[in-house]
Amino acid sequence: MRRFLSIVILLSVLPLASWNHAGAQQTDYAKYGRMATAIVIEDYPSEELKDYEYKGRTPAGDDQVADYFKFTVSENGKTSYILVRVTHSLKNEKLVGLTVSETVK
């Protein structure tokens, strides 16, 4: 129950995490941040999600960009960093690809 409550709180706070950024930028990557969060929660269900950070955007081809999100998760005292790369089209706002990589501390 505690884990479920933590996830609900995290998902409700994520859109506010970038409150100090420009409005256009917030709406720009917020949708993909929610996707990345859902993937991490699904791929690492037994691990506690401790931190979330938007790492930025890079060009990825014709009218496409890649947004990067870094998550910190822990299980049994072991900390792991999950980097999610979400590639999407700026033209039609459609998801093109999603890559997840893990680094153990």
PDB file of N, CA and C in Angstrom:
ATOM      1  N   MET A   1       0.828  -1.188   0.000  1.00  0.00           N
ATOM      2  CA  MET A   1       0.000   0.000   0.000  1.00  0.00           C
ATOM      3  C   MET A   1       0.873   1.252   0.000  1.00  0.00           C
ATOM      4  N   ARG A   2       1.956   1.223   0.785  1.00  0.00           N
ATOM      5  CA  ARG A   2       2.852   2.380   0.859  1.00  0.00           C
ATOM      6  C   ARG A   2       3.483   2.659  -0.503  1.00  0.00           C
ATOM      7  N   ARG A   3       3.873   1.607  -1.188  1.00  0.00           N
ATOM      8  CA  ARG A   3       4.480   1.748  -2.511  1.00  0.00           C
ATOM      9  C   ARG A   3       3.475   2.339  -3.503  1.00  0.00           C
ATOM     10  N   PHE A   4       2.250   1.857  -3.464  1.00  0.00           N
ATOM     11  CA  PHE A   4       1.210   2.368  -4.353  1.00  0.00           C
ATOM     12  C   PHE A   4       0.978   3.852  -4.094  1.00  0.00           C
ATOM     13  N   LEU A   5       0.907   4.228  -2.830  1.00  0.00           N
ATOM     14  CA  LEU A   5       0.708   5.632  -2.476  1.00  0.00           C
ATOM     15  C   LEU A   5       1.880   6.481  -2.951  1.00  0.00           C
ATOM     16  N   SER A   6       3.096   5.970  -2.828  1.00  0.00           N
ATOM     17  CA  SER A   6       4.281   6.701  -3.301  1.00  0.00           C
ATOM     18  C   SER A   6       4.220   6.931  -4.803  1.00  0.00           C
ATOM     19  N   ILE A   7       3.797   5.918  -5.543  1.00  0.00           N
ATOM     20  CA  ILE A   7       3.697   6.039  -6.997  1.00  0.00           C
ATOM     21  C   ILE A   7       2.633   7.057  -7.380  1.00  0.00           C
ATOM     22  N   VAL A   8       1.480   7.013  -6.719  1.00  0.00           N
ATOM     23  CA  VAL A   8       0.407   7.967  -7.004  1.00  0.00           C
ATOM     24  C   VAL A   8       0.872   9.395  -6.727  1.00  0.00           C
ATOM     25  N   ILE A   9       1.554   9.593  -5.619  1.00  0.00           N
ATOM     26  CA  ILE A   9       2.058  10.932  -5.280  1.00  0.00           C
ATOM     27  C   ILE A   9       3.084  11.379  -6.312  1.00  0.00           C
ATOM     28  N   LEU A  10       3.991  10.489  -6.689  1.00  0.00           N
ATOM     29  CA  LEU A  10       5.013  10.830  -7.674  1.00  0.00           C
ATOM     30  C   LEU A  10       4.382  11.229  -9.005  1.00  0.00           C
ATOM     31  N   LEU A  11       3.420  10.447  -9.466  1.00  0.00           N
ATOM     32  CA  LEU A  11       2.787  10.751 -10.747  1.00  0.00           C
ATOM     33  C   LEU A  11       1.986  12.048 -10.710  1.00  0.00           C
ATOM     34  N   SER A  12       1.461  12.402  -9.543  1.00  0.00           N
ATOM     35  CA  SER A  12       0.718  13.660  -9.456  1.00  0.00           C
ATOM     36  C   SER A  12       1.639  14.861  -9.306  1.00  0.00           C
ATOM     37  N   VAL A  13       2.869  14.653  -8.821  1.00  0.00           N
ATOM     38  CA  VAL A  13       3.818  15.750  -8.621  1.00  0.00           C
ATOM     39  C   VAL A  13       4.688  15.978  -9.855  1.00  0.00           C
ATOM     40  N   LEU A  14       4.884  14.969 -10.679  1.00  0.00           N
ATOM     41  CA  LEU A  14       5.778  15.093 -11.834  1.00  0.00           C
ATOM     42  C   LEU A  14       5.468  16.290 -12.729  1.00  0.00           C
ATOM     43  N   PRO A  15       4.216  16.558 -13.063  1.00  0.00           N
ATOM     44  CA  PRO A  15       3.968  17.730 -13.909  1.00  0.00           C
ATOM     45  C   PRO A  15       4.388  19.041 -13.244  1.00  0.00           C
ATOM     46  N   LEU A  16       4.429  19.091 -11.930  1.00  0.00           N
ATOM     47  CA  LEU A  16       4.826  20.305 -11.224  1.00  0.00           C
ATOM     48  C   LEU A  16       6.336  20.408 -11.052  1.00  0.00           C
ATOM     49  N   ALA A  17       7.056  19.334 -11.326  1.00  0.00           N
ATOM     50  CA  ALA A  17       8.501  19.308 -11.096  1.00  0.00           C
ATOM     51  C   ALA A  17       9.248  20.349 -11.912  1.00  0.00           C
ATOM     52  N   SER A  18       8.704  20.732 -13.037  1.00  0.00           N
ATOM     53  CA  SER A  18       9.382  21.714 -13.884  1.00  0.00           C
ATOM     54  C   SER A  18       8.622  23.037 -13.893  1.00  0.00           C
ATOM     55  N   TRP A  19       7.983  23.366 -12.814  1.00  0.00           N
ATOM     56  CA  TRP A  19       7.167  24.563 -12.701  1.00  0.00           C
ATOM     57  C   TRP A  19       7.947  25.821 -13.051  1.00  0.00           C
ATOM     58  N   ASN A  20       9.230  25.890 -12.734  1.00  0.00           N
ATOM     59  CA  ASN A  20      10.006  27.093 -12.983  1.00  0.00           C
ATOM     60  C   ASN A  20      10.508  27.202 -14.419  1.00  0.00           C
ATOM     61  N   HIS A  21      10.267  26.216 -15.266  1.00  0.00           N
ATOM     62  CA  HIS A  21      10.658  26.285 -16.669  1.00  0.00           C
ATOM     63  C   HIS A  21       9.584  27.023 -17.462  1.00  0.00           C
ATOM     64  N   ALA A  22       9.913  27.425 -18.654  1.00  0.00           N
ATOM     65  CA  ALA A  22       8.954  28.103 -19.523  1.00  0.00           C
ATOM     66  C   ALA A  22       7.778  27.180 -19.800  1.00  0.00           C
ATOM     67  N   GLY A  23       6.598  27.749 -19.937  1.00  0.00           N
ATOM     68  CA  GLY A  23       5.389  26.962 -20.142  1.00  0.00           C
ATOM     69  C   GLY A  23       5.450  26.069 -21.365  1.00  0.00           C
ATOM     70  N   ALA A  24       5.977  26.563 -22.477  1.00  0.00           N
ATOM     71  CA  ALA A  24       6.057  25.759 -23.697  1.00  0.00           C
ATOM     72  C   ALA A  24       6.966  24.553 -23.495  1.00  0.00           C
ATOM     73  N   GLN A  25       8.068  24.733 -22.795  1.00  0.00           N
ATOM     74  CA  GLN A  25       8.987  23.619 -22.578  1.00  0.00           C
ATOM     75  C   GLN A  25       8.355  22.572 -21.668  1.00  0.00           C
ATOM     76  N   GLN A  26       7.613  23.006 -20.663  1.00  0.00           N
ATOM     77  CA  GLN A  26       6.988  22.058 -19.746  1.00  0.00           C
ATOM     78  C   GLN A  26       6.029  21.147 -20.506  1.00  0.00           C
ATOM     79  N   THR A  27       5.138  21.717 -21.284  1.00  0.00           N
ATOM     80  CA  THR A  27       4.177  20.900 -22.013  1.00  0.00           C
ATOM     81  C   THR A  27       4.863  20.101 -23.107  1.00  0.00           C
ATOM     82  N   ASP A  28       6.015  20.573 -23.542  1.00  0.00           N
ATOM     83  CA  ASP A  28       6.772  19.911 -24.584  1.00  0.00           C
ATOM     84  C   ASP A  28       7.219  18.515 -24.167  1.00  0.00           C
ATOM     85  N   TYR A  29       7.782  18.372 -22.991  1.00  0.00           N
ATOM     86  CA  TYR A  29       8.330  17.070 -22.603  1.00  0.00           C
ATOM     87  C   TYR A  29       7.556  16.384 -21.485  1.00  0.00           C
ATOM     88  N   ALA A  30       6.557  17.021 -20.915  1.00  0.00           N
ATOM     89  CA  ALA A  30       5.798  16.424 -19.809  1.00  0.00           C
ATOM     90  C   ALA A  30       5.137  15.107 -20.220  1.00  0.00           C
ATOM     91  N   LYS A  31       4.561  15.075 -21.413  1.00  0.00           N
ATOM     92  CA  LYS A  31       3.905  13.864 -21.917  1.00  0.00           C
ATOM     93  C   LYS A  31       4.903  12.699 -21.968  1.00  0.00           C
ATOM     94  N   TYR A  32       6.115  12.983 -22.428  1.00  0.00           N
ATOM     95  CA  TYR A  32       7.121  11.936 -22.572  1.00  0.00           C
ATOM     96  C   TYR A  32       7.737  11.564 -21.226  1.00  0.00           C
ATOM     97  N   GLY A  33       7.744  12.496 -20.287  1.00  0.00           N
ATOM     98  CA  GLY A  33       8.179  12.195 -18.925  1.00  0.00           C
ATOM     99  C   GLY A  33       7.239  11.212 -18.250  1.00  0.00           C
ATOM    100  N   ARG A  34       5.938  11.391 -18.491  1.00  0.00           N
ATOM    101  CA  ARG A  34       4.955  10.449 -17.937  1.00  0.00           C
ATOM    102  C   ARG A  34       5.131   9.060 -18.555  1.00  0.00           C
ATOM    103  N   MET A  35       5.415   9.025 -19.861  1.00  0.00           N
ATOM    104  CA  MET A  35       5.665   7.732 -20.519  1.00  0.00           C
ATOM    105  C   MET A  35       6.897   7.055 -19.919  1.00  0.00           C
ATOM    106  N   ALA A  36       7.959   7.820 -19.757  1.00  0.00           N
ATOM    107  CA  ALA A  36       9.200   7.270 -19.199  1.00  0.00           C
ATOM    108  C   ALA A  36       8.973   6.742 -17.786  1.00  0.00           C
ATOM    109  N   THR A  37       8.222   7.493 -16.983  1.00  0.00           N
ATOM    110  CA  THR A  37       7.920   7.066 -15.614  1.00  0.00           C
ATOM    111  C   THR A  37       7.135   5.760 -15.614  1.00  0.00           C
ATOM    112  N   ALA A  38       6.142   5.662 -16.481  1.00  0.00           N
ATOM    113  CA  ALA A  38       5.337   4.443 -16.559  1.00  0.00           C
ATOM    114  C   ALA A  38       6.198   3.242 -16.951  1.00  0.00           C
ATOM    115  N   ILE A  39       7.132   3.438 -17.867  1.00  0.00           N
ATOM    116  CA  ILE A  39       8.016   2.351 -18.295  1.00  0.00           C
ATOM    117  C   ILE A  39       8.914   1.898 -17.148  1.00  0.00           C
ATOM    118  N   VAL A  40       9.487   2.849 -16.416  1.00  0.00           N
ATOM    119  CA  VAL A  40      10.371   2.499 -15.295  1.00  0.00           C
ATOM    120  C   VAL A  40       9.588   1.756 -14.216  1.00  0.00           C
ATOM    121  N   ILE A  41       8.399   2.217 -13.902  1.00  0.00           N
ATOM    122  CA  ILE A  41       7.570   1.548 -12.891  1.00  0.00           C
ATOM    123  C   ILE A  41       7.215   0.133 -13.345  1.00  0.00           C
ATOM    124  N   GLU A  42       6.940  -0.037 -14.637  1.00  0.00           N
ATOM    125  CA  GLU A  42       6.597  -1.357 -15.160  1.00  0.00           C
ATOM    126  C   GLU A  42       7.820  -2.279 -15.214  1.00  0.00           C
ATOM    127  N   ASP A  43       8.960  -1.746 -15.635  1.00  0.00           N
ATOM    128  CA  ASP A  43      10.166  -2.566 -15.775  1.00  0.00           C
ATOM    129  C   ASP A  43      10.842  -2.890 -14.443  1.00  0.00           C
ATOM    130  N   TYR A  44      10.636  -2.055 -13.444  1.00  0.00           N
ATOM    131  CA  TYR A  44      11.287  -2.234 -12.136  1.00  0.00           C
ATOM    132  C   TYR A  44      10.234  -2.197 -11.020  1.00  0.00           C
ATOM    133  N   PRO A  45       9.284  -3.129 -11.029  1.00  0.00           N
ATOM    134  CA  PRO A  45       8.172  -3.066 -10.073  1.00  0.00           C
ATOM    135  C   PRO A  45       8.578  -3.296  -8.620  1.00  0.00           C
ATOM    136  N   SER A  46       9.657  -4.044  -8.389  1.00  0.00           N
ATOM    137  CA  SER A  46      10.036  -4.341  -7.005  1.00  0.00           C
ATOM    138  C   SER A  46      11.010  -3.317  -6.436  1.00  0.00           C
ATOM    139  N   GLU A  47      11.391  -2.331  -7.229  1.00  0.00           N
ATOM    140  CA  GLU A  47      12.353  -1.339  -6.771  1.00  0.00           C
ATOM    141  C   GLU A  47      11.650  -0.023  -6.442  1.00  0.00           C
ATOM    142  N   GLU A  48      12.197   0.685  -5.472  1.00  0.00           N
ATOM    143  CA  GLU A  48      11.629   1.961  -5.043  1.00  0.00           C
ATOM    144  C   GLU A  48      12.169   3.085  -5.926  1.00  0.00           C
ATOM    145  N   LEU A  49      11.256   3.841  -6.524  1.00  0.00           N
ATOM    146  CA  LEU A  49      11.631   4.986  -7.357  1.00  0.00           C
ATOM    147  C   LEU A  49      11.936   6.164  -6.445  1.00  0.00           C
ATOM    148  N   LYS A  50      13.198   6.598  -6.429  1.00  0.00           N
ATOM    149  CA  LYS A  50      13.634   7.623  -5.480  1.00  0.00           C
ATOM    150  C   LYS A  50      13.745   9.008  -6.085  1.00  0.00           C
ATOM    151  N   ASP A  51      14.105   9.109  -7.362  1.00  0.00           N
ATOM    152  CA  ASP A  51      14.344  10.423  -7.949  1.00  0.00           C
ATOM    153  C   ASP A  51      14.050  10.386  -9.441  1.00  0.00           C
ATOM    154  N   TYR A  52      13.730  11.556  -9.978  1.00  0.00           N
ATOM    155  CA  TYR A  52      13.400  11.725 -11.385  1.00  0.00           C
ATOM    156  C   TYR A  52      13.997  13.049 -11.828  1.00  0.00           C
ATOM    157  N   GLU A  53      14.661  13.050 -12.992  1.00  0.00           N
ATOM    158  CA  GLU A  53      15.250  14.296 -13.474  1.00  0.00           C
ATOM    159  C   GLU A  53      15.195  14.339 -14.998  1.00  0.00           C
ATOM    160  N   TYR A  54      14.740  15.464 -15.528  1.00  0.00           N
ATOM    161  CA  TYR A  54      14.774  15.693 -16.967  1.00  0.00           C
ATOM    162  C   TYR A  54      16.183  16.138 -17.320  1.00  0.00           C
ATOM    163  N   LYS A  55      16.858  15.404 -18.206  1.00  0.00           N
ATOM    164  CA  LYS A  55      18.261  15.680 -18.522  1.00  0.00           C
ATOM    165  C   LYS A  55      18.447  16.529 -19.775  1.00  0.00           C
ATOM    166  N   GLY A  56      17.399  16.721 -20.551  1.00  0.00           N
ATOM    167  CA  GLY A  56      17.523  17.585 -21.716  1.00  0.00           C
ATOM    168  C   GLY A  56      17.082  16.930 -23.009  1.00  0.00           C
ATOM    169  N   ARG A  57      17.316  17.671 -24.094  1.00  0.00           N
ATOM    170  CA  ARG A  57      16.843  17.267 -25.416  1.00  0.00           C
ATOM    171  C   ARG A  57      17.967  17.417 -26.435  1.00  0.00           C
ATOM    172  N   THR A  58      18.029  16.454 -27.370  1.00  0.00           N
ATOM    173  CA  THR A  58      18.992  16.533 -28.466  1.00  0.00           C
ATOM    174  C   THR A  58      18.274  16.246 -29.781  1.00  0.00           C
ATOM    175  N   PRO A  59      18.761  16.802 -30.887  1.00  0.00           N
ATOM    176  CA  PRO A  59      18.179  16.478 -32.194  1.00  0.00           C
ATOM    177  C   PRO A  59      18.431  15.007 -32.521  1.00  0.00           C
ATOM    178  N   ALA A  60      17.467  14.373 -33.194  1.00  0.00           N
ATOM    179  CA  ALA A  60      17.604  12.948 -33.513  1.00  0.00           C
ATOM    180  C   ALA A  60      17.226  12.646 -34.962  1.00  0.00           C
ATOM    181  N   GLY A  61      17.323  13.624 -35.837  1.00  0.00           N
ATOM    182  CA  GLY A  61      16.986  13.380 -37.238  1.00  0.00           C
ATOM    183  C   GLY A  61      15.969  14.389 -37.733  1.00  0.00           C
ATOM    184  N   ASP A  62      15.363  14.075 -38.865  1.00  0.00           N
ATOM    185  CA  ASP A  62      14.385  14.969 -39.491  1.00  0.00           C
ATOM    186  C   ASP A  62      13.176  15.181 -38.594  1.00  0.00           C
ATOM    187  N   ASP A  63      13.011  16.404 -38.115  1.00  0.00           N
ATOM    188  CA  ASP A  63      11.876  16.777 -37.255  1.00  0.00           C
ATOM    189  C   ASP A  63      11.725  15.867 -36.040  1.00  0.00           C
ATOM    190  N   GLN A  64      12.799  15.226 -35.604  1.00  0.00           N
ATOM    191  CA  GLN A  64      12.747  14.356 -34.436  1.00  0.00           C
ATOM    192  C   GLN A  64      13.738  14.835 -33.386  1.00  0.00           C
ATOM    193  N   VAL A  65      13.368  14.608 -32.135  1.00  0.00           N
ATOM    194  CA  VAL A  65      14.239  14.934 -31.012  1.00  0.00           C
ATOM    195  C   VAL A  65      14.229  13.768 -30.033  1.00  0.00           C
ATOM    196  N   ALA A  66      15.238  13.735 -29.177  1.00  0.00           N
ATOM    197  CA  ALA A  66      15.307  12.724 -28.119  1.00  0.00           C
ATOM    198  C   ALA A  66      15.337  13.449 -26.782  1.00  0.00           C
ATOM    199  N   ASP A  67      14.390  13.132 -25.910  1.00  0.00           N
ATOM    200  CA  ASP A  67      14.361  13.661 -24.552  1.00  0.00           C
ATOM    201  C   ASP A  67      14.928  12.591 -23.629  1.00  0.00           C
ATOM    202  N   TYR A  68      15.728  13.022 -22.653  1.00  0.00           N
ATOM    203  CA  TYR A  68      16.382  12.100 -21.724  1.00  0.00           C
ATOM    204  C   TYR A  68      15.861  12.321 -20.311  1.00  0.00           C
ATOM    205  N   PHE A  69      15.563  11.217 -19.632  1.00  0.00           N
ATOM    206  CA  PHE A  69      15.060  11.253 -18.268  1.00  0.00           C
ATOM    207  C   PHE A  69      15.899  10.293 -17.433  1.00  0.00           C
ATOM    208  N   LYS A  70      16.350  10.765 -16.281  1.00  0.00           N
ATOM    209  CA  LYS A  70      17.166   9.935 -15.392  1.00  0.00           C
ATOM    210  C   LYS A  70      16.360   9.623 -14.135  1.00  0.00           C
ATOM    211  N   PHE A  71      16.296   8.346 -13.795  1.00  0.00           N
ATOM    212  CA  PHE A  71      15.587   7.885 -12.609  1.00  0.00           C
ATOM    213  C   PHE A  71      16.585   7.229 -11.669  1.00  0.00           C
ATOM    214  N   THR A  72      16.382   7.421 -10.381  1.00  0.00           N
ATOM    215  CA  THR A  72      17.171   6.730  -9.371  1.00  0.00           C
ATOM    216  C   THR A  72      16.238   5.764  -8.661  1.00  0.00           C
ATOM    217  N   VAL A  73      16.595   4.487  -8.672  1.00  0.00           N
ATOM    218  CA  VAL A  73      15.792   3.465  -8.005  1.00  0.00           C
ATOM    219  C   VAL A  73      16.693   2.702  -7.047  1.00  0.00           C
ATOM    220  N   SER A  74      16.076   2.120  -6.018  1.00  0.00           N
ATOM    221  CA  SER A  74      16.871   1.319  -5.087  1.00  0.00           C
ATOM    222  C   SER A  74      16.104   0.077  -4.679  1.00  0.00           C
ATOM    223  N   GLU A  75      16.871  -0.992  -4.457  1.00  0.00           N
ATOM    224  CA  GLU A  75      16.312  -2.257  -3.996  1.00  0.00           C
ATOM    225  C   GLU A  75      17.353  -2.919  -3.112  1.00  0.00           C
ATOM    226  N   ASN A  76      16.944  -3.260  -1.898  1.00  0.00           N
ATOM    227  CA  ASN A  76      17.835  -3.908  -0.932  1.00  0.00           C
ATOM    228  C   ASN A  76      19.122  -3.113  -0.714  1.00  0.00           C
ATOM    229  N   GLY A  77      19.010  -1.805  -0.641  1.00  0.00           N
ATOM    230  CA  GLY A  77      20.162  -0.956  -0.383  1.00  0.00           C
ATOM    231  C   GLY A  77      21.055  -0.699  -1.586  1.00  0.00           C
ATOM    232  N   LYS A  78      20.726  -1.264  -2.722  1.00  0.00           N
ATOM    233  CA  LYS A  78      21.522  -1.081  -3.942  1.00  0.00           C
ATOM    234  C   LYS A  78      20.856  -0.004  -4.803  1.00  0.00           C
ATOM    235  N   THR A  79      21.626   1.021  -5.178  1.00  0.00           N
ATOM    236  CA  THR A  79      21.103   2.115  -5.987  1.00  0.00           C
ATOM    237  C   THR A  79      21.421   1.875  -7.456  1.00  0.00           C
ATOM    238  N   SER A  80      20.424   2.077  -8.302  1.00  0.00           N
ATOM    239  CA  SER A  80      20.607   1.968  -9.747  1.00  0.00           C
ATOM    240  C   SER A  80      20.108   3.246 -10.397  1.00  0.00           C
ATOM    241  N   TYR A  81      20.743   3.602 -11.506  1.00  0.00           N
ATOM    242  CA  TYR A  81      20.317   4.759 -12.282  1.00  0.00           C
ATOM    243  C   TYR A  81      19.763   4.258 -13.606  1.00  0.00           C
ATOM    244  N   ILE A  82      18.569   4.705 -13.924  1.00  0.00           N
ATOM    245  CA  ILE A  82      17.907   4.302 -15.150  1.00  0.00           C
ATOM    246  C   ILE A  82      17.830   5.523 -16.055  1.00  0.00           C
ATOM    247  N   LEU A  83      18.357   5.403 -17.271  1.00  0.00           N
ATOM    248  CA  LEU A  83      18.277   6.481 -18.244  1.00  0.00           C
ATOM    249  C   LEU A  83      17.291   6.057 -19.321  1.00  0.00           C
ATOM    250  N   VAL A  84      16.269   6.879 -19.524  1.00  0.00           N
ATOM    251  CA  VAL A  84      15.262   6.592 -20.537  1.00  0.00           C
ATOM    252  C   VAL A  84      15.395   7.641 -21.636  1.00  0.00           C
ATOM    253  N   ARG A  85      15.560   7.169 -22.859  1.00  0.00           N
ATOM    254  CA  ARG A  85      15.641   8.052 -24.031  1.00  0.00           C
ATOM    255  C   ARG A  85      14.344   7.883 -24.804  1.00  0.00           C
ATOM    256  N   VAL A  86      13.594   8.976 -24.928  1.00  0.00           N
ATOM    257  CA  VAL A  86      12.329   8.962 -25.648  1.00  0.00           C
ATOM    258  C   VAL A  86      12.516   9.773 -26.926  1.00  0.00           C
ATOM    259  N   THR A  87      12.452   9.103 -28.069  1.00  0.00           N
ATOM    260  CA  THR A  87      12.577   9.775 -29.357  1.00  0.00           C
ATOM    261  C   THR A  87      11.177   9.996 -29.911  1.00  0.00           C
ATOM    262  N   HIS A  88      10.917  11.231 -30.338  1.00  0.00           N
ATOM    263  CA  HIS A  88       9.589  11.547 -30.859  1.00  0.00           C
ATOM    264  C   HIS A  88       9.682  12.608 -31.942  1.00  0.00           C
ATOM    265  N   SER A  89       8.609  12.717 -32.698  1.00  0.00           N
ATOM    266  CA  SER A  89       8.533  13.670 -33.796  1.00  0.00           C
ATOM    267  C   SER A  89       7.990  14.995 -33.286  1.00  0.00           C
ATOM    268  N   LEU A  90       8.641  16.082 -33.660  1.00  0.00           N
ATOM    269  CA  LEU A  90       8.126  17.409 -33.314  1.00  0.00           C
ATOM    270  C   LEU A  90       6.961  17.786 -34.218  1.00  0.00           C
ATOM    271  N   LYS A  91       6.944  17.214 -35.402  1.00  0.00           N
ATOM    272  CA  LYS A  91       5.927  17.555 -36.396  1.00  0.00           C
ATOM    273  C   LYS A  91       4.535  17.077 -35.979  1.00  0.00           C
ATOM    274  N   ASN A  92       4.434  15.812 -35.582  1.00  0.00           N
ATOM    275  CA  ASN A  92       3.120  15.260 -35.238  1.00  0.00           C
ATOM    276  C   ASN A  92       3.025  14.776 -33.793  1.00  0.00           C
ATOM    277  N   GLU A  93       4.071  15.014 -32.997  1.00  0.00           N
ATOM    278  CA  GLU A  93       4.112  14.649 -31.575  1.00  0.00           C
ATOM    279  C   GLU A  93       3.889  13.157 -31.325  1.00  0.00           C
ATOM    280  N   LYS A  94       4.317  12.325 -32.247  1.00  0.00           N
ATOM    281  CA  LYS A  94       4.180  10.873 -32.105  1.00  0.00           C
ATOM    282  C   LYS A  94       5.481  10.268 -31.590  1.00  0.00           C
ATOM    283  N   LEU A  95       5.343   9.224 -30.795  1.00  0.00           N
ATOM    284  CA  LEU A  95       6.491   8.489 -30.268  1.00  0.00           C
ATOM    285  C   LEU A  95       7.158   7.715 -31.402  1.00  0.00           C
ATOM    286  N   VAL A  96       8.478   7.821 -31.503  1.00  0.00           N
ATOM    287  CA  VAL A  96       9.235   7.112 -32.527  1.00  0.00           C
ATOM    288  C   VAL A  96       9.976   5.928 -31.909  1.00  0.00           C
ATOM    289  N   GLY A  97      10.546   6.131 -30.727  1.00  0.00           N
ATOM    290  CA  GLY A  97      11.285   5.057 -30.081  1.00  0.00           C
ATOM    291  C   GLY A  97      11.529   5.346 -28.613  1.00  0.00           C
ATOM    292  N   LEU A  98      11.829   4.284 -27.872  1.00  0.00           N
ATOM    293  CA  LEU A  98      12.066   4.416 -26.444  1.00  0.00           C
ATOM    294  C   LEU A  98      13.167   3.431 -26.058  1.00  0.00           C
ATOM    295  N   THR A  99      14.200   3.927 -25.378  1.00  0.00           N
ATOM    296  CA  THR A  99      15.321   3.087 -24.972  1.00  0.00           C
ATOM    297  C   THR A  99      15.544   3.238 -23.475  1.00  0.00           C
ATOM    298  N   VAL A 100      15.745   2.119 -22.790  1.00  0.00           N
ATOM    299  CA  VAL A 100      15.996   2.127 -21.351  1.00  0.00           C
ATOM    300  C   VAL A 100      17.362   1.499 -21.102  1.00  0.00           C
ATOM    301  N   SER A 101      18.207   2.199 -20.331  1.00  0.00           N
ATOM    302  CA  SER A 101      19.502   1.626 -19.953  1.00  0.00           C
ATOM    303  C   SER A 101      19.699   1.807 -18.452  1.00  0.00           C
ATOM    304  N   GLU A 102      20.429   0.869 -17.844  1.00  0.00           N
ATOM    305  CA  GLU A 102      20.601   0.861 -16.392  1.00  0.00           C
ATOM    306  C   GLU A 102      22.081   0.879 -16.029  1.00  0.00           C
ATOM    307  N   THR A 103      22.406   1.667 -15.005  1.00  0.00           N
ATOM    308  CA  THR A 103      23.748   1.706 -14.444  1.00  0.00           C
ATOM    309  C   THR A 103      23.629   1.445 -12.953  1.00  0.00           C
ATOM    310  N   VAL A 104      24.347   0.457 -12.443  1.00  0.00           N
ATOM    311  CA  VAL A 104      24.316   0.138 -11.018  1.00  0.00           C
ATOM    312  C   VAL A 104      25.443   0.892 -10.341  1.00  0.00           C
ATOM    313  N   LYS A 105      25.124   1.534  -9.229  1.00  0.00           N
ATOM    314  CA  LYS A 105      26.126   2.312  -8.492  1.00  0.00           C
ATOM    315  C   LYS A 105      26.939   1.406  -7.611  1.00  0.00           C
TER     316      LYS A 105
END
